[in-house]
Structure formats: C-alpha cells, structure tokens
Protein backbone atom coordinates (compact mmCIF):
# COMPACT_ATOMS: atom_id res chain seq x y z
CA UNK A 1 0.00 0.00 0.00
CA UNK A 2 1.23 3.47 -0.84
CA UNK A 3 2.19 5.66 2.07
CA UNK A 4 1.80 9.43 1.64
CA UNK A 5 4.66 11.69 2.63
CA UNK A 6 5.05 15.45 2.49
CA UNK A 7 3.34 17.06 -0.47
CA UNK A 8 2.72 14.75 -3.41
CA UNK A 9 5.48 12.30 -2.49
CA UNK A 10 4.42 8.69 -1.94
CA UNK A 11 6.32 5.64 -0.73
CA UNK A 12 5.40 2.11 -1.72
CA UNK A 13 7.02 -1.18 -0.73
CA UNK A 14 7.78 -2.71 -4.12
CA UNK A 15 9.33 -5.93 -2.77
CA UNK A 16 11.06 -7.16 0.36
CA UNK A 17 14.24 -5.42 -0.87
CA UNK A 18 12.94 -2.42 -2.79
CA UNK A 19 11.07 0.81 -2.18
CA UNK A 20 9.31 2.99 -4.76
CA UNK A 21 9.20 6.74 -4.18
CA UNK A 22 6.82 8.65 -6.47
CA UNK A 23 6.39 12.35 -7.17
CA UNK A 24 2.88 12.19 -8.63
CA UNK A 25 1.02 9.80 -10.91
CA UNK A 26 1.99 11.14 -14.34
CA UNK A 27 5.19 12.44 -15.81
CA UNK A 28 5.82 16.16 -15.87
CA UNK A 29 8.78 18.52 -15.85
CA UNK A 30 8.25 19.21 -12.16
CA UNK A 31 8.20 15.50 -11.25
CA UNK A 32 11.22 14.86 -13.45
CA UNK A 33 13.16 17.62 -11.71
CA UNK A 34 12.36 16.08 -8.31
CA UNK A 35 13.53 12.68 -9.52
CA UNK A 36 16.83 14.17 -10.68
CA UNK A 37 17.29 16.12 -7.47
CA UNK A 38 16.72 13.01 -5.36
CA UNK A 39 19.27 11.12 -7.44
CA UNK A 40 21.71 13.99 -6.97
CA UNK A 41 21.13 14.03 -3.19
CA UNK A 42 21.74 10.30 -2.94
CA UNK A 43 24.91 10.76 -4.99
CA UNK A 44 26.15 13.50 -2.66
CA UNK A 45 24.96 11.81 0.52
CA UNK A 46 25.03 8.03 -0.11
CA UNK A 47 22.86 5.92 2.17
CA UNK A 48 24.64 2.75 3.32
CA UNK A 49 22.71 -0.30 2.20
CA UNK A 50 21.25 1.17 -1.00
CA UNK A 51 22.32 -1.04 -3.90
CA UNK A 52 20.67 0.41 -7.01
CA UNK A 53 18.61 3.38 -8.13
CA UNK A 54 16.20 3.01 -11.05
CA UNK A 55 14.59 6.32 -12.07
CA UNK A 56 11.34 6.48 -14.03
CA UNK A 57 9.19 9.29 -15.40
CA UNK A 58 8.03 10.42 -11.97
CA UNK A 59 9.51 7.88 -9.57
CA UNK A 60 12.66 6.20 -8.32
CA UNK A 61 12.82 2.51 -7.48
CA UNK A 62 15.39 1.97 -4.74
CA UNK A 63 16.84 -1.50 -4.23
CA UNK A 64 18.52 -2.08 -0.88
CA UNK A 65 20.34 -4.67 1.19
CA UNK A 66 17.77 -6.16 3.56
CA UNK A 67 20.54 -7.02 6.02
CA UNK A 68 21.33 -3.30 6.43
CA UNK A 69 17.99 -1.58 5.86
CA UNK A 70 14.28 -2.04 6.37
CA UNK A 71 11.52 -0.22 4.53
CA UNK A 72 10.58 1.99 7.49
CA UNK A 73 14.18 2.99 8.17
CA UNK A 74 14.80 3.84 4.51
CA UNK A 75 11.56 5.87 4.34
CA UNK A 76 12.66 7.84 7.39
CA UNK A 77 16.09 8.56 5.88
CA UNK A 78 14.56 9.61 2.57
CA UNK A 79 12.01 11.89 4.22
CA UNK A 80 14.87 13.77 5.88
CA UNK A 81 16.66 14.10 2.54
CA UNK A 82 13.52 15.38 0.83
CA UNK A 83 13.54 18.46 3.06
CA UNK A 84 16.69 19.55 1.18
CA UNK A 85 15.30 18.90 -2.29
CA UNK A 86 14.65 22.56 -3.12
CA UNK A 87 18.25 23.53 -2.39
CA UNK A 88 19.75 20.98 -4.81
CA UNK A 89 21.43 22.58 -7.85
CA UNK A 90 21.26 20.54 -11.03
CA UNK A 91 23.91 20.83 -13.75
CA UNK A 92 23.08 22.73 -16.93
CA UNK A 93 21.55 20.21 -19.36
CA UNK A 94 23.47 19.12 -22.43
CA UNK A 95 21.97 19.51 -25.89
CA UNK A 96 22.68 16.46 -28.04
CA UNK A 97 21.90 16.49 -31.76
CA UNK A 98 21.20 13.14 -33.39
CA UNK A 99 21.25 12.88 -37.20
CA UNK A 100 18.36 10.88 -38.67
CA UNK A 101 17.53 9.61 -42.14
CA UNK A 102 13.74 9.32 -42.24
CA UNK A 103 11.37 7.05 -44.15
CA UNK A 104 11.68 4.28 -46.75
CA UNK A 105 13.93 1.45 -45.54
CA UNK A 106 15.18 3.70 -42.74
CA UNK A 107 11.70 4.22 -41.28
CA UNK A 108 9.29 1.54 -42.51
CA UNK A 109 6.42 2.70 -40.29
CA UNK A 110 6.48 6.34 -41.39
CA UNK A 111 3.83 5.87 -44.13
CA UNK A 112 1.38 4.33 -41.65
CA UNK A 113 2.05 7.06 -39.07
CA UNK A 114 1.36 9.67 -41.77
CA UNK A 115 -1.85 7.90 -42.83
CA UNK A 116 -3.10 7.73 -39.24
CA UNK A 117 -2.62 11.47 -38.78
CA UNK A 118 -3.37 12.70 -42.31
CA UNK A 119 0.16 14.04 -42.73
CA UNK A 120 2.64 14.03 -45.57
CA UNK A 121 6.05 12.49 -44.92
CA UNK A 122 7.58 15.97 -45.05
CA UNK A 123 5.14 17.25 -42.42
CA UNK A 124 5.79 14.29 -40.11
CA UNK A 125 9.55 14.69 -40.43
CA UNK A 126 9.32 18.42 -39.79
CA UNK A 127 7.20 17.82 -36.68
CA UNK A 128 9.49 15.15 -35.26
CA UNK A 129 12.65 17.17 -35.87
CA UNK A 130 11.21 20.50 -34.72
CA UNK A 131 11.08 19.66 -31.01
CA UNK A 132 13.69 19.59 -28.29
CA UNK A 133 13.13 16.41 -26.31
CA UNK A 134 13.92 15.65 -22.68
CA UNK A 135 15.63 12.45 -21.53
CA UNK A 136 13.38 11.38 -18.67
CA UNK A 137 15.24 8.17 -17.92
CA UNK A 138 17.11 5.25 -19.46
CA UNK A 139 15.90 1.68 -19.39
CA UNK A 140 14.70 -1.38 -21.32
CA UNK A 141 18.28 -2.01 -22.51
CA UNK A 142 21.50 -0.06 -21.78
CA UNK A 143 21.51 3.24 -23.64
CA UNK A 144 17.79 3.31 -24.47
CA UNK A 145 16.60 6.80 -23.53
CA UNK A 146 12.90 7.55 -23.07
CA UNK A 147 12.36 10.98 -24.63
CA UNK A 148 9.33 13.06 -23.75
CA UNK A 149 7.90 15.97 -25.69
CA UNK A 150 6.64 14.33 -28.89
CA UNK A 151 4.29 16.69 -30.80
CA UNK A 152 0.64 15.74 -30.21
CA UNK A 153 0.17 15.44 -33.98
CA UNK A 154 2.50 12.40 -33.95
CA UNK A 155 1.20 10.60 -30.86
CA UNK A 156 0.69 7.02 -32.09
CA UNK A 157 0.11 3.71 -30.30
CA UNK A 158 2.66 0.92 -30.39
CA UNK A 159 2.42 -1.78 -33.02
CA UNK A 160 -0.22 -4.41 -32.24
CA UNK A 161 2.41 -7.11 -32.85
CA UNK A 162 6.00 -6.19 -31.85
CA UNK A 163 8.85 -6.95 -34.21
CA UNK A 164 11.10 -9.81 -33.16
CA UNK A 165 14.18 -7.77 -34.08
CA UNK A 166 14.59 -4.00 -34.43
CA UNK A 167 17.91 -2.86 -35.96
CA UNK A 168 20.22 -0.75 -33.76
CA UNK A 169 19.94 2.95 -34.53
CA UNK A 170 16.22 2.73 -35.31
CA UNK A 171 14.29 5.85 -34.30
CA UNK A 172 10.80 5.07 -33.09
CA UNK A 173 7.71 6.57 -31.52
CA UNK A 174 5.21 5.01 -29.10
CA UNK A 175 2.40 6.95 -27.51
CA UNK A 176 3.80 10.39 -26.69
CA UNK A 177 7.40 9.15 -26.50
CA UNK A 178 10.24 8.85 -28.97
CA UNK A 179 13.59 7.10 -28.72
CA UNK A 180 16.46 5.30 -30.42
CA UNK A 181 17.17 1.59 -30.18
CA UNK A 182 20.85 1.18 -29.20
CA UNK A 183 20.93 -2.57 -29.89
CA UNK A 184 19.11 -5.12 -32.04
CA UNK A 185 16.20 -6.15 -29.81
CA UNK A 186 12.52 -7.02 -30.08
CA UNK A 187 10.36 -3.90 -30.03
CA UNK A 188 6.91 -2.52 -30.73
CA UNK A 189 7.65 1.15 -31.37
CA UNK A 190 6.78 2.65 -34.77
CA UNK A 191 10.00 3.03 -36.72
CA UNK A 192 10.18 6.34 -38.60
CA UNK A 193 13.92 6.77 -39.20
CA UNK A 194 17.45 5.58 -38.54
CA UNK A 195 20.54 7.23 -37.11
CA UNK A 196 24.21 6.41 -37.78
CA UNK A 197 25.02 7.64 -34.26
CA UNK A 198 26.21 4.99 -31.78
CA UNK A 199 23.95 5.20 -28.74
CA UNK A 200 25.97 2.93 -26.43
CA UNK A 201 29.69 2.24 -26.67
CA UNK A 202 32.23 0.70 -24.29
CA UNK A 203 29.84 0.73 -21.37
CA UNK A 204 28.80 4.36 -21.81
CA UNK A 205 25.51 5.78 -23.09
CA UNK A 206 25.43 8.70 -25.53
CA UNK A 207 22.51 10.15 -23.59
CA UNK A 208 21.97 10.73 -19.86
CA UNK A 209 18.95 11.61 -17.77
CA UNK A 210 18.21 15.33 -18.03
CA UNK A 211 19.82 15.77 -21.46
CA UNK A 212 17.98 17.62 -24.22
CA UNK A 213 17.84 15.99 -27.65
CA UNK A 214 17.17 17.30 -31.14
CA UNK A 215 16.84 15.12 -34.23
CA UNK A 216 18.46 16.53 -37.37
CA UNK A 217 17.18 15.21 -40.74
CA UNK A 218 19.92 14.03 -43.11
CA UNK A 219 20.04 12.55 -46.61
CA UNK A 220 20.85 8.91 -47.32
CA UNK A 221 24.17 10.11 -48.76
CA UNK A 222 25.04 11.88 -45.51
CA UNK A 223 23.89 8.81 -43.58
CA UNK A 224 26.34 6.66 -45.52
CA UNK A 225 29.18 9.14 -44.87
CA UNK A 226 28.52 9.24 -41.13
CA UNK A 227 28.06 5.49 -40.88
CA UNK A 228 31.51 4.96 -42.40
CA UNK A 229 33.20 7.68 -40.34
C-alpha cells in the first residue's frame, strides 16, 4: 500500500528489498526535476545499504540490502533528505543532436504514421525534428533513452504485434514518446527513421537523464558518410 509523505510524495514497498518513491502519478517537468534532485542528493549523501537506483518518469525505485535496511528505516532517511530537495542545484543540461535519415527502408512505419494522422512524410519529419526532447530516464536495454515531448500530432500507439528484431539505430515513436534503439532487440515502437550515431559504446551511453535531444534530418548520402566515419 502506498504511504503518503510530504506534499505529493508517496512511498510504496515494491518488494522485500525495494522501495518505490513517487512524485505524482503522471510524468511532468516538475516530477522529473524532483527525480533528478533526489538522485543527486543520494549521490552527494550516499545511504549505506542502497544497492541500485532506477529512475522512471516520476519515480525512483530503490533497491537495498535487507541485512542493512528495512523499509521503514529507509523511508525515514529519505524523508529527511527530501527536506533539502529545493536547495539541490542541477547541472546545466546538455543539448545532443542526433542525425536521422527518415522514411523508406530507414523508417518503414512512417507511411502508416502519416496515414493515421493525415500528414505528408515531409510534415511528419518536420514535426518530429522541430522539437527539443527531454531524456526522462534510461531503461529497457542499456543506452535506451525515453524521450518526452513528442508533438501531439505524432502521438501514435505501439504496433499491435512487436517486431522480433529491431535494428540498432532505429528511431521510433510510441504513444507520446520517442527514442532510439541502441541494440538489435525485439520492439513494438513505430519506426520512422534511422541514425548512424552509436547510442551505447564501451559501457557508456550517448545520452543521460536530463539531457535535451534534437533530431536533425539528413540525406541517405550523408547517412552513408557518417556510418563509415
């Protein structure tokens, strides 16, 4: 059962070794900022016994060592930290530009997305590349960033039947999210383009939580040049 804390913060026992702390029920810039500030606080003031932190759109799942912590003790420690949330300074966000070749074999689902929204391919590409997206969190596989801020004109449900293998570098949309597949994996997002950028290399992700992202349309010739670089 969820336990209310100060303001809109809620605690929920997710398992015998994990605690979920939520800043509301839907993702927003305010909730995202609180998630980042909590992560920053726990980085600056580590709590002995915490093993892993898994941020989401408006929550953080905290896994802990049950031999060192109990849910009630961890809640108490976190409630004390939350009093300092407003004073946490976050670093200036990076702006990362990702080149994308849209449509045809690079984005096989673009025609269907256009048909669903009564758009031309040019209009859909302009919409997708006109926004600056926010990296809310990374998950699913290493380097997969969930980007919020998709234009409402492109909001599209996932495929009814996921693909068994999505090529790495595929740019997709699902609901009001967009993102780039860093590896070849199964996936149900609508594929509208492809990037030559490497999203995950040598244990490091190109994107981090809090980054801003812009997609830059490129030609297939430029794609080939960048892919070979």
